[in-house]
Amino acid sequence: MCNIKIHETQPLLNLKLDRVMQDIVYKLVPGLQDILAKTRIKVFCRAEVRHLRRVLCHRLMLNPQHVQLLFDNEVLPDHMTMKQIWLSRWFGKPSPLLLQYSVKEKRR
C-alpha cells in the first residue's frame, strides 16, 4: 500500500467499482456473491419507510417534512418496513414493488 492520502476530509470520494476485480474475488471465494445478495435482501426487508424517505430527500435536496411515500395514493407510515409493505400490499404481484412519493408545497 502507498501512504498517499487521496482526500483529507472525504477519503472515499474517488473510490470506484472495479468489475474485473469483483469477478476475480467472486471466483476466488465460492458462494460470496450469493451471501452478499442475501444480505442485501435482508437489509432491504428491514428498511423502514423513514429510511427511504431520508435517502430520497437527500438525493432531491428536500426537507424530509415535505416528502411523503405513497402506495396506491395512501401515505405510508414511517415505521413500516419494506417487508411489511411487500407482504400486506404487493404479495403475489410481479417485481418490482412500486412506490410513489409526493412533495408537499411549503406554506408561505
PDB file of N, CA and C in Angstrom:
ATOM      1  N   MET A   1       0.831  -1.185   0.000  1.00  0.00           N
ATOM      2  CA  MET A   1       0.000   0.000   0.000  1.00  0.00           C
ATOM      3  C   MET A   1       0.872   1.244   0.000  1.00  0.00           C
ATOM      4  N   CYS A   2       0.425   2.239  -0.687  1.00  0.00           N
ATOM      5  CA  CYS A   2       1.152   3.503  -0.654  1.00  0.00           C
ATOM      6  C   CYS A   2       0.600   4.360   0.479  1.00  0.00           C
ATOM      7  N   ASN A   3       1.344   5.332   0.897  1.00  0.00           N
ATOM      8  CA  ASN A   3       0.941   6.194   2.005  1.00  0.00           C
ATOM      9  C   ASN A   3       0.444   7.554   1.535  1.00  0.00           C
ATOM     10  N   ILE A   4      -0.171   7.598   0.374  1.00  0.00           N
ATOM     11  CA  ILE A   4      -0.673   8.849  -0.187  1.00  0.00           C
ATOM     12  C   ILE A   4      -2.137   9.018   0.195  1.00  0.00           C
ATOM     13  N   LYS A   5      -2.460  10.148   0.810  1.00  0.00           N
ATOM     14  CA  LYS A   5      -3.846  10.435   1.133  1.00  0.00           C
ATOM     15  C   LYS A   5      -4.542  10.943  -0.122  1.00  0.00           C
ATOM     16  N   ILE A   6      -5.682  10.362  -0.407  1.00  0.00           N
ATOM     17  CA  ILE A   6      -6.444  10.770  -1.586  1.00  0.00           C
ATOM     18  C   ILE A   6      -7.149  12.103  -1.326  1.00  0.00           C
ATOM     19  N   HIS A   7      -7.863  12.180  -0.203  1.00  0.00           N
ATOM     20  CA  HIS A   7      -8.600  13.381   0.142  1.00  0.00           C
ATOM     21  C   HIS A   7      -8.682  13.452   1.667  1.00  0.00           C
ATOM     22  N   GLU A   8      -8.304  14.561   2.241  1.00  0.00           N
ATOM     23  CA  GLU A   8      -8.226  14.701   3.698  1.00  0.00           C
ATOM     24  C   GLU A   8      -9.558  14.465   4.401  1.00  0.00           C
ATOM     25  N   THR A   9     -10.625  15.121   3.943  1.00  0.00           N
ATOM     26  CA  THR A   9     -11.905  15.033   4.648  1.00  0.00           C
ATOM     27  C   THR A   9     -12.852  13.983   4.077  1.00  0.00           C
ATOM     28  N   GLN A  10     -12.650  13.588   2.809  1.00  0.00           N
ATOM     29  CA  GLN A  10     -13.517  12.594   2.179  1.00  0.00           C
ATOM     30  C   GLN A  10     -12.661  11.507   1.522  1.00  0.00           C
ATOM     31  N   PRO A  11     -12.109  10.585   2.331  1.00  0.00           N
ATOM     32  CA  PRO A  11     -11.192   9.594   1.772  1.00  0.00           C
ATOM     33  C   PRO A  11     -11.843   8.617   0.791  1.00  0.00           C
ATOM     34  N   LEU A  12     -13.158   8.466   0.820  1.00  0.00           N
ATOM     35  CA  LEU A  12     -13.835   7.532  -0.083  1.00  0.00           C
ATOM     36  C   LEU A  12     -14.359   8.207  -1.350  1.00  0.00           C
ATOM     37  N   LEU A  13     -14.062   9.473  -1.526  1.00  0.00           N
ATOM     38  CA  LEU A  13     -14.608  10.267  -2.613  1.00  0.00           C
ATOM     39  C   LEU A  13     -14.324   9.678  -3.994  1.00  0.00           C
ATOM     40  N   ASN A  14     -13.104   9.227  -4.237  1.00  0.00           N
ATOM     41  CA  ASN A  14     -12.720   8.782  -5.576  1.00  0.00           C
ATOM     42  C   ASN A  14     -12.719   7.267  -5.756  1.00  0.00           C
ATOM     43  N   LEU A  15     -13.329   6.533  -4.829  1.00  0.00           N
ATOM     44  CA  LEU A  15     -13.405   5.093  -4.997  1.00  0.00           C
ATOM     45  C   LEU A  15     -14.399   4.750  -6.089  1.00  0.00           C
ATOM     46  N   LYS A  16     -14.044   3.779  -6.911  1.00  0.00           N
ATOM     47  CA  LYS A  16     -14.915   3.350  -7.995  1.00  0.00           C
ATOM     48  C   LYS A  16     -14.996   1.834  -8.005  1.00  0.00           C
ATOM     49  N   LEU A  17     -16.117   1.322  -8.467  1.00  0.00           N
ATOM     50  CA  LEU A  17     -16.316  -0.106  -8.568  1.00  0.00           C
ATOM     51  C   LEU A  17     -15.427  -0.670  -9.677  1.00  0.00           C
ATOM     52  N   ASP A  18     -14.726  -1.748  -9.376  1.00  0.00           N
ATOM     53  CA  ASP A  18     -13.875  -2.417 -10.352  1.00  0.00           C
ATOM     54  C   ASP A  18     -14.496  -3.780 -10.637  1.00  0.00           C
ATOM     55  N   ARG A  19     -15.217  -3.887 -11.742  1.00  0.00           N
ATOM     56  CA  ARG A  19     -15.940  -5.116 -12.081  1.00  0.00           C
ATOM     57  C   ARG A  19     -14.989  -6.303 -12.275  1.00  0.00           C
ATOM     58  N   VAL A  20     -13.847  -6.061 -12.867  1.00  0.00           N
ATOM     59  CA  VAL A  20     -12.888  -7.149 -13.091  1.00  0.00           C
ATOM     60  C   VAL A  20     -12.412  -7.707 -11.746  1.00  0.00           C
ATOM     61  N   MET A  21     -12.044  -6.814 -10.832  1.00  0.00           N
ATOM     62  CA  MET A  21     -11.595  -7.249  -9.512  1.00  0.00           C
ATOM     63  C   MET A  21     -12.724  -7.964  -8.779  1.00  0.00           C
ATOM     64  N   GLN A  22     -13.937  -7.449  -8.920  1.00  0.00           N
ATOM     65  CA  GLN A  22     -15.089  -8.068  -8.282  1.00  0.00           C
ATOM     66  C   GLN A  22     -15.296  -9.490  -8.809  1.00  0.00           C
ATOM     67  N   ASP A  23     -15.197  -9.683 -10.107  1.00  0.00           N
ATOM     68  CA  ASP A  23     -15.334 -11.021 -10.695  1.00  0.00           C
ATOM     69  C   ASP A  23     -14.255 -11.967 -10.195  1.00  0.00           C
ATOM     70  N   ILE A  24     -13.034 -11.467 -10.075  1.00  0.00           N
ATOM     71  CA  ILE A  24     -11.923 -12.299  -9.587  1.00  0.00           C
ATOM     72  C   ILE A  24     -12.185 -12.739  -8.145  1.00  0.00           C
ATOM     73  N   VAL A  25     -12.616 -11.799  -7.307  1.00  0.00           N
ATOM     74  CA  VAL A  25     -12.893 -12.126  -5.905  1.00  0.00           C
ATOM     75  C   VAL A  25     -14.030 -13.135  -5.805  1.00  0.00           C
ATOM     76  N   TYR A  26     -15.067 -12.973  -6.602  1.00  0.00           N
ATOM     77  CA  TYR A  26     -16.186 -13.924  -6.581  1.00  0.00           C
ATOM     78  C   TYR A  26     -15.728 -15.327  -6.996  1.00  0.00           C
ATOM     79  N   LYS A  27     -14.765 -15.411  -7.918  1.00  0.00           N
ATOM     80  CA  LYS A  27     -14.250 -16.724  -8.336  1.00  0.00           C
ATOM     81  C   LYS A  27     -13.335 -17.323  -7.275  1.00  0.00           C
ATOM     82  N   LEU A  28     -12.611 -16.481  -6.557  1.00  0.00           N
ATOM     83  CA  LEU A  28     -11.704 -16.975  -5.520  1.00  0.00           C
ATOM     84  C   LEU A  28     -12.440 -17.392  -4.246  1.00  0.00           C
ATOM     85  N   VAL A  29     -13.578 -16.766  -3.974  1.00  0.00           N
ATOM     86  CA  VAL A  29     -14.342 -17.071  -2.756  1.00  0.00           C
ATOM     87  C   VAL A  29     -15.706 -17.621  -3.166  1.00  0.00           C
ATOM     88  N   PRO A  30     -15.801 -18.949  -3.298  1.00  0.00           N
ATOM     89  CA  PRO A  30     -17.073 -19.547  -3.725  1.00  0.00           C
ATOM     90  C   PRO A  30     -18.216 -19.194  -2.774  1.00  0.00           C
ATOM     91  N   GLY A  31     -19.351 -18.834  -3.339  1.00  0.00           N
ATOM     92  CA  GLY A  31     -20.541 -18.526  -2.554  1.00  0.00           C
ATOM     93  C   GLY A  31     -20.632 -17.090  -2.054  1.00  0.00           C
ATOM     94  N   LEU A  32     -19.577 -16.314  -2.217  1.00  0.00           N
ATOM     95  CA  LEU A  32     -19.585 -14.940  -1.711  1.00  0.00           C
ATOM     96  C   LEU A  32     -20.682 -14.103  -2.363  1.00  0.00           C
ATOM     97  N   GLN A  33     -20.842 -14.255  -3.653  1.00  0.00           N
ATOM     98  CA  GLN A  33     -21.838 -13.466  -4.371  1.00  0.00           C
ATOM     99  C   GLN A  33     -23.244 -13.773  -3.845  1.00  0.00           C
ATOM    100  N   ASP A  34     -23.544 -15.041  -3.586  1.00  0.00           N
ATOM    101  CA  ASP A  34     -24.855 -15.418  -3.055  1.00  0.00           C
ATOM    102  C   ASP A  34     -25.059 -14.868  -1.646  1.00  0.00           C
ATOM    103  N   ILE A  35     -24.009 -14.930  -0.827  1.00  0.00           N
ATOM    104  CA  ILE A  35     -24.095 -14.417   0.547  1.00  0.00           C
ATOM    105  C   ILE A  35     -24.376 -12.917   0.535  1.00  0.00           C
ATOM    106  N   LEU A  36     -23.677 -12.185  -0.325  1.00  0.00           N
ATOM    107  CA  LEU A  36     -23.881 -10.738  -0.405  1.00  0.00           C
ATOM    108  C   LEU A  36     -25.278 -10.394  -0.906  1.00  0.00           C
ATOM    109  N   ALA A  37     -25.779 -11.169  -1.880  1.00  0.00           N
ATOM    110  CA  ALA A  37     -27.126 -10.931  -2.400  1.00  0.00           C
ATOM    111  C   ALA A  37     -28.166 -11.147  -1.302  1.00  0.00           C
ATOM    112  N   LYS A  38     -28.010 -12.215  -0.512  1.00  0.00           N
ATOM    113  CA  LYS A  38     -28.951 -12.483   0.580  1.00  0.00           C
ATOM    114  C   LYS A  38     -28.876 -11.392   1.639  1.00  0.00           C
ATOM    115  N   THR A  39     -27.682 -10.902   1.910  1.00  0.00           N
ATOM    116  CA  THR A  39     -27.515  -9.835   2.897  1.00  0.00           C
ATOM    117  C   THR A  39     -28.221  -8.569   2.439  1.00  0.00           C
ATOM    118  N   ARG A  40     -28.097  -8.236   1.157  1.00  0.00           N
ATOM    119  CA  ARG A  40     -28.771  -7.041   0.637  1.00  0.00           C
ATOM    120  C   ARG A  40     -30.278  -7.177   0.771  1.00  0.00           C
ATOM    121  N   ILE A  41     -30.798  -8.369   0.490  1.00  0.00           N
ATOM    122  CA  ILE A  41     -32.239  -8.595   0.600  1.00  0.00           C
ATOM    123  C   ILE A  41     -32.680  -8.430   2.049  1.00  0.00           C
ATOM    124  N   LYS A  42     -31.916  -8.992   2.999  1.00  0.00           N
ATOM    125  CA  LYS A  42     -32.265  -8.862   4.414  1.00  0.00           C
ATOM    126  C   LYS A  42     -32.261  -7.404   4.846  1.00  0.00           C
ATOM    127  N   VAL A  43     -31.258  -6.654   4.410  1.00  0.00           N
ATOM    128  CA  VAL A  43     -31.166  -5.242   4.778  1.00  0.00           C
ATOM    129  C   VAL A  43     -32.344  -4.479   4.188  1.00  0.00           C
ATOM    130  N   PHE A  44     -32.683  -4.756   2.928  1.00  0.00           N
ATOM    131  CA  PHE A  44     -33.802  -4.071   2.288  1.00  0.00           C
ATOM    132  C   PHE A  44     -35.105  -4.383   3.009  1.00  0.00           C
ATOM    133  N   CYS A  45     -35.311  -5.645   3.383  1.00  0.00           N
ATOM    134  CA  CYS A  45     -36.551  -6.034   4.063  1.00  0.00           C
ATOM    135  C   CYS A  45     -36.703  -5.322   5.396  1.00  0.00           C
ATOM    136  N   ARG A  46     -35.605  -5.046   6.069  1.00  0.00           N
ATOM    137  CA  ARG A  46     -35.656  -4.364   7.367  1.00  0.00           C
ATOM    138  C   ARG A  46     -35.742  -2.852   7.237  1.00  0.00           C
ATOM    139  N   ALA A  47     -35.471  -2.336   6.060  1.00  0.00           N
ATOM    140  CA  ALA A  47     -35.513  -0.880   5.865  1.00  0.00           C
ATOM    141  C   ALA A  47     -36.938  -0.379   6.075  1.00  0.00           C
ATOM    142  N   GLU A  48     -37.030   0.741   6.756  1.00  0.00           N
ATOM    143  CA  GLU A  48     -38.332   1.341   7.021  1.00  0.00           C
ATOM    144  C   GLU A  48     -38.589   2.479   6.043  1.00  0.00           C
ATOM    145  N   VAL A  49     -39.841   2.859   5.958  1.00  0.00           N
ATOM    146  CA  VAL A  49     -40.245   3.961   5.076  1.00  0.00           C
ATOM    147  C   VAL A  49     -39.422   5.198   5.397  1.00  0.00           C
ATOM    148  N   ARG A  50     -39.168   5.446   6.685  1.00  0.00           N
ATOM    149  CA  ARG A  50     -38.398   6.641   7.075  1.00  0.00           C
ATOM    150  C   ARG A  50     -37.006   6.636   6.443  1.00  0.00           C
ATOM    151  N   HIS A  51     -36.392   5.450   6.296  1.00  0.00           N
ATOM    152  CA  HIS A  51     -35.060   5.361   5.687  1.00  0.00           C
ATOM    153  C   HIS A  51     -35.118   5.713   4.203  1.00  0.00           C
ATOM    154  N   LEU A  52     -36.115   5.173   3.509  1.00  0.00           N
ATOM    155  CA  LEU A  52     -36.252   5.500   2.083  1.00  0.00           C
ATOM    156  C   LEU A  52     -36.531   6.985   1.886  1.00  0.00           C
ATOM    157  N   ARG A  53     -37.354   7.537   2.772  1.00  0.00           N
ATOM    158  CA  ARG A  53     -37.679   8.963   2.673  1.00  0.00           C
ATOM    159  C   ARG A  53     -36.435   9.823   2.869  1.00  0.00           C
ATOM    160  N   ARG A  54     -35.594   9.442   3.824  1.00  0.00           N
ATOM    161  CA  ARG A  54     -34.347  10.200   4.052  1.00  0.00           C
ATOM    162  C   ARG A  54     -33.438  10.154   2.826  1.00  0.00           C
ATOM    163  N   VAL A  55     -33.292   8.973   2.241  1.00  0.00           N
ATOM    164  CA  VAL A  55     -32.437   8.836   1.049  1.00  0.00           C
ATOM    165  C   VAL A  55     -32.998   9.674  -0.089  1.00  0.00           C
ATOM    166  N   LEU A  56     -34.294   9.575  -0.300  1.00  0.00           N
ATOM    167  CA  LEU A  56     -34.946  10.338  -1.360  1.00  0.00           C
ATOM    168  C   LEU A  56     -34.762  11.840  -1.146  1.00  0.00           C
ATOM    169  N   CYS A  57     -34.978  12.294   0.082  1.00  0.00           N
ATOM    170  CA  CYS A  57     -34.829  13.725   0.386  1.00  0.00           C
ATOM    171  C   CYS A  57     -33.388  14.182   0.192  1.00  0.00           C
ATOM    172  N   HIS A  58     -32.465  13.336   0.575  1.00  0.00           N
ATOM    173  CA  HIS A  58     -31.057  13.678   0.398  1.00  0.00           C
ATOM    174  C   HIS A  58     -30.727  13.835  -1.083  1.00  0.00           C
ATOM    175  N   ARG A  59     -31.195  12.908  -1.893  1.00  0.00           N
ATOM    176  CA  ARG A  59     -30.899  12.975  -3.335  1.00  0.00           C
ATOM    177  C   ARG A  59     -31.593  14.136  -4.031  1.00  0.00           C
ATOM    178  N   LEU A  60     -32.789  14.460  -3.565  1.00  0.00           N
ATOM    179  CA  LEU A  60     -33.541  15.560  -4.181  1.00  0.00           C
ATOM    180  C   LEU A  60     -33.288  16.900  -3.501  1.00  0.00           C
ATOM    181  N   MET A  61     -32.470  16.878  -2.430  1.00  0.00           N
ATOM    182  CA  MET A  61     -32.156  18.071  -1.645  1.00  0.00           C
ATOM    183  C   MET A  61     -33.425  18.749  -1.142  1.00  0.00           C
ATOM    184  N   LEU A  62     -34.282  17.942  -0.516  1.00  0.00           N
ATOM    185  CA  LEU A  62     -35.534  18.438   0.048  1.00  0.00           C
ATOM    186  C   LEU A  62     -35.568  18.185   1.544  1.00  0.00           C
ATOM    187  N   ASN A  63     -36.403  18.925   2.240  1.00  0.00           N
ATOM    188  CA  ASN A  63     -36.611  18.725   3.658  1.00  0.00           C
ATOM    189  C   ASN A  63     -37.512  17.499   3.844  1.00  0.00           C
ATOM    190  N   PRO A  64     -37.149  16.544   4.699  1.00  0.00           N
ATOM    191  CA  PRO A  64     -37.963  15.337   4.897  1.00  0.00           C
ATOM    192  C   PRO A  64     -39.405  15.626   5.331  1.00  0.00           C
ATOM    193  N   GLN A  65     -39.641  16.761   5.956  1.00  0.00           N
ATOM    194  CA  GLN A  65     -41.001  17.112   6.370  1.00  0.00           C
ATOM    195  C   GLN A  65     -41.924  17.362   5.183  1.00  0.00           C
ATOM    196  N   HIS A  66     -41.347  17.610   4.016  1.00  0.00           N
ATOM    197  CA  HIS A  66     -42.157  17.943   2.846  1.00  0.00           C
ATOM    198  C   HIS A  66     -42.357  16.773   1.891  1.00  0.00           C
ATOM    199  N   VAL A  67     -41.854  15.596   2.246  1.00  0.00           N
ATOM    200  CA  VAL A  67     -41.931  14.445   1.349  1.00  0.00           C
ATOM    201  C   VAL A  67     -42.707  13.318   2.011  1.00  0.00           C
ATOM    202  N   GLN A  68     -43.601  12.700   1.241  1.00  0.00           N
ATOM    203  CA  GLN A  68     -44.353  11.541   1.708  1.00  0.00           C
ATOM    204  C   GLN A  68     -44.155  10.399   0.730  1.00  0.00           C
ATOM    205  N   LEU A  69     -44.026   9.174   1.254  1.00  0.00           N
ATOM    206  CA  LEU A  69     -44.001   7.990   0.403  1.00  0.00           C
ATOM    207  C   LEU A  69     -45.398   7.409   0.350  1.00  0.00           C
ATOM    208  N   LEU A  70     -45.811   6.995  -0.843  1.00  0.00           N
ATOM    209  CA  LEU A  70     -47.179   6.536  -1.058  1.00  0.00           C
ATOM    210  C   LEU A  70     -47.208   5.158  -1.712  1.00  0.00           C
ATOM    211  N   PHE A  71     -48.266   4.424  -1.403  1.00  0.00           N
ATOM    212  CA  PHE A  71     -48.587   3.195  -2.120  1.00  0.00           C
ATOM    213  C   PHE A  71     -50.062   3.302  -2.476  1.00  0.00           C
ATOM    214  N   ASP A  72     -50.379   3.262  -3.743  1.00  0.00           N
ATOM    215  CA  ASP A  72     -51.761   3.444  -4.227  1.00  0.00           C
ATOM    216  C   ASP A  72     -52.410   4.686  -3.625  1.00  0.00           C
ATOM    217  N   ASN A  73     -51.701   5.789  -3.656  1.00  0.00           N
ATOM    218  CA  ASN A  73     -52.158   7.085  -3.142  1.00  0.00           C
ATOM    219  C   ASN A  73     -52.446   7.088  -1.644  1.00  0.00           C
ATOM    220  N   GLU A  74     -51.929   6.099  -0.919  1.00  0.00           N
ATOM    221  CA  GLU A  74     -52.061   6.039   0.536  1.00  0.00           C
ATOM    222  C   GLU A  74     -50.704   6.355   1.151  1.00  0.00           C
ATOM    223  N   VAL A  75     -50.676   7.315   2.071  1.00  0.00           N
ATOM    224  CA  VAL A  75     -49.423   7.687   2.737  1.00  0.00           C
ATOM    225  C   VAL A  75     -48.967   6.525   3.613  1.00  0.00           C
ATOM    226  N   LEU A  76     -47.699   6.136   3.460  1.00  0.00           N
ATOM    227  CA  LEU A  76     -47.141   5.037   4.245  1.00  0.00           C
ATOM    228  C   LEU A  76     -46.562   5.571   5.555  1.00  0.00           C
ATOM    229  N   PRO A  77     -46.830   4.883   6.678  1.00  0.00           N
ATOM    230  CA  PRO A  77     -46.262   5.324   7.954  1.00  0.00           C
ATOM    231  C   PRO A  77     -44.760   5.087   8.008  1.00  0.00           C
ATOM    232  N   ASP A  78     -44.053   5.966   8.679  1.00  0.00           N
ATOM    233  CA  ASP A  78     -42.591   5.895   8.756  1.00  0.00           C
ATOM    234  C   ASP A  78     -42.070   4.589   9.341  1.00  0.00           C
ATOM    235  N   HIS A  79     -42.793   3.999  10.262  1.00  0.00           N
ATOM    236  CA  HIS A  79     -42.307   2.801  10.956  1.00  0.00           C
ATOM    237  C   HIS A  79     -42.473   1.517  10.144  1.00  0.00           C
ATOM    238  N   MET A  80     -43.219   1.560   9.057  1.00  0.00           N
ATOM    239  CA  MET A  80     -43.494   0.355   8.267  1.00  0.00           C
ATOM    240  C   MET A  80     -42.243  -0.081   7.510  1.00  0.00           C
ATOM    241  N   THR A  81     -41.957  -1.386   7.538  1.00  0.00           N
ATOM    242  CA  THR A  81     -40.785  -1.906   6.836  1.00  0.00           C
ATOM    243  C   THR A  81     -41.156  -2.288   5.406  1.00  0.00           C
ATOM    244  N   MET A  82     -40.147  -2.439   4.573  1.00  0.00           N
ATOM    245  CA  MET A  82     -40.389  -2.844   3.200  1.00  0.00           C
ATOM    246  C   MET A  82     -41.004  -4.248   3.147  1.00  0.00           C
ATOM    247  N   LYS A  83     -40.596  -5.102   4.062  1.00  0.00           N
ATOM    248  CA  LYS A  83     -41.167  -6.455   4.114  1.00  0.00           C
ATOM    249  C   LYS A  83     -42.656  -6.391   4.433  1.00  0.00           C
ATOM    250  N   GLN A  84     -43.036  -5.533   5.383  1.00  0.00           N
ATOM    251  CA  GLN A  84     -44.447  -5.385   5.718  1.00  0.00           C
ATOM    252  C   GLN A  84     -45.246  -4.869   4.531  1.00  0.00           C
ATOM    253  N   ILE A  85     -44.687  -3.910   3.810  1.00  0.00           N
ATOM    254  CA  ILE A  85     -45.378  -3.375   2.628  1.00  0.00           C
ATOM    255  C   ILE A  85     -45.525  -4.467   1.584  1.00  0.00           C
ATOM    256  N   TRP A  86     -44.449  -5.209   1.351  1.00  0.00           N
ATOM    257  CA  TRP A  86     -44.477  -6.280   0.349  1.00  0.00           C
ATOM    258  C   TRP A  86     -45.542  -7.313   0.707  1.00  0.00           C
ATOM    259  N   LEU A  87     -45.550  -7.765   1.954  1.00  0.00           N
ATOM    260  CA  LEU A  87     -46.485  -8.819   2.362  1.00  0.00           C
ATOM    261  C   LEU A  87     -47.928  -8.345   2.416  1.00  0.00           C
ATOM    262  N   SER A  88     -48.142  -7.106   2.848  1.00  0.00           N
ATOM    263  CA  SER A  88     -49.516  -6.631   3.021  1.00  0.00           C
ATOM    264  C   SER A  88     -50.129  -6.027   1.764  1.00  0.00           C
ATOM    265  N   ARG A  89     -49.296  -5.569   0.850  1.00  0.00           N
ATOM    266  CA  ARG A  89     -49.858  -4.846  -0.299  1.00  0.00           C
ATOM    267  C   ARG A  89     -49.404  -5.343  -1.664  1.00  0.00           C
ATOM    268  N   TRP A  90     -48.342  -6.120  -1.721  1.00  0.00           N
ATOM    269  CA  TRP A  90     -47.777  -6.466  -3.028  1.00  0.00           C
ATOM    270  C   TRP A  90     -47.574  -7.973  -3.207  1.00  0.00           C
ATOM    271  N   PHE A  91     -47.884  -8.771  -2.200  1.00  0.00           N
ATOM    272  CA  PHE A  91     -47.617 -10.207  -2.249  1.00  0.00           C
ATOM    273  C   PHE A  91     -48.317 -10.837  -3.451  1.00  0.00           C
ATOM    274  N   GLY A  92     -47.576 -11.635  -4.205  1.00  0.00           N
ATOM    275  CA  GLY A  92     -48.118 -12.326  -5.371  1.00  0.00           C
ATOM    276  C   GLY A  92     -48.065 -11.527  -6.657  1.00  0.00           C
ATOM    277  N   LYS A  93     -47.676 -10.281  -6.571  1.00  0.00           N
ATOM    278  CA  LYS A  93     -47.568  -9.444  -7.770  1.00  0.00           C
ATOM    279  C   LYS A  93     -46.120  -9.492  -8.254  1.00  0.00           C
ATOM    280  N   PRO A  94     -45.905  -9.200  -9.535  1.00  0.00           N
ATOM    281  CA  PRO A  94     -44.526  -9.254 -10.057  1.00  0.00           C
ATOM    282  C   PRO A  94     -43.649  -8.128  -9.510  1.00  0.00           C
ATOM    283  N   SER A  95     -42.362  -8.388  -9.437  1.00  0.00           N
ATOM    284  CA  SER A  95     -41.386  -7.371  -9.020  1.00  0.00           C
ATOM    285  C   SER A  95     -41.283  -6.328 -10.107  1.00  0.00           C
ATOM    286  N   PRO A  96     -40.870  -5.147  -9.800  1.00  0.00           N
ATOM    287  CA  PRO A  96     -40.524  -4.571  -8.513  1.00  0.00           C
ATOM    288  C   PRO A  96     -41.759  -4.019  -7.809  1.00  0.00           C
ATOM    289  N   LEU A  97     -41.632  -3.811  -6.515  1.00  0.00           N
ATOM    290  CA  LEU A  97     -42.653  -3.150  -5.701  1.00  0.00           C
ATOM    291  C   LEU A  97     -42.668  -1.680  -6.107  1.00  0.00           C
ATOM    292  N   LEU A  98     -43.824  -1.169  -6.441  1.00  0.00           N
ATOM    293  CA  LEU A  98     -43.927   0.217  -6.915  1.00  0.00           C
ATOM    294  C   LEU A  98     -44.416   1.146  -5.818  1.00  0.00           C
ATOM    295  N   LEU A  99     -43.614   2.126  -5.504  1.00  0.00           N
ATOM    296  CA  LEU A  99     -43.968   3.160  -4.539  1.00  0.00           C
ATOM    297  C   LEU A  99     -43.915   4.511  -5.242  1.00  0.00           C
ATOM    298  N   GLN A 100     -44.678   5.453  -4.732  1.00  0.00           N
ATOM    299  CA  GLN A 100     -44.643   6.813  -5.260  1.00  0.00           C
ATOM    300  C   GLN A 100     -44.256   7.745  -4.122  1.00  0.00           C
ATOM    301  N   TYR A 101     -43.929   8.964  -4.476  1.00  0.00           N
ATOM    302  CA  TYR A 101     -43.685   9.974  -3.453  1.00  0.00           C
ATOM    303  C   TYR A 101     -44.344  11.271  -3.885  1.00  0.00           C
ATOM    304  N   SER A 102     -44.661  12.082  -2.892  1.00  0.00           N
ATOM    305  CA  SER A 102     -45.212  13.399  -3.189  1.00  0.00           C
ATOM    306  C   SER A 102     -44.449  14.436  -2.373  1.00  0.00           C
ATOM    307  N   VAL A 103     -44.376  15.608  -2.921  1.00  0.00           N
ATOM    308  CA  VAL A 103     -43.702  16.720  -2.253  1.00  0.00           C
ATOM    309  C   VAL A 103     -44.757  17.744  -1.898  1.00  0.00           C
ATOM    310  N   LYS A 104     -44.897  17.988  -0.604  1.00  0.00           N
ATOM    311  CA  LYS A 104     -45.863  18.991  -0.135  1.00  0.00           C
ATOM    312  C   LYS A 104     -45.280  20.375  -0.369  1.00  0.00           C
ATOM    313  N   GLU A 105     -46.110  21.270  -0.796  1.00  0.00           N
ATOM    314  CA  GLU A 105     -45.656  22.640  -1.001  1.00  0.00           C
ATOM    315  C   GLU A 105     -45.430  23.317   0.332  1.00  0.00           C
ATOM    316  N   LYS A 106     -44.454  24.194   0.377  1.00  0.00           N
ATOM    317  CA  LYS A 106     -44.175  24.965   1.580  1.00  0.00           C
ATOM    318  C   LYS A 106     -45.260  26.010   1.776  1.00  0.00           C
ATOM    319  N   ARG A 107     -45.684  26.150   3.026  1.00  0.00           N
ATOM    320  CA  ARG A 107     -46.652  27.211   3.344  1.00  0.00           C
ATOM    321  C   ARG A 107     -45.940  28.543   3.423  1.00  0.00           C
ATOM    322  N   ARG A 108     -46.598  29.566   2.978  1.00  0.00           N
ATOM    323  CA  ARG A 108     -45.987  30.892   2.986  1.00  0.00           C
ATOM    324  C   ARG A 108     -46.484  31.706   4.121  1.00  0.00           C
TER     325      ARG A 108
END
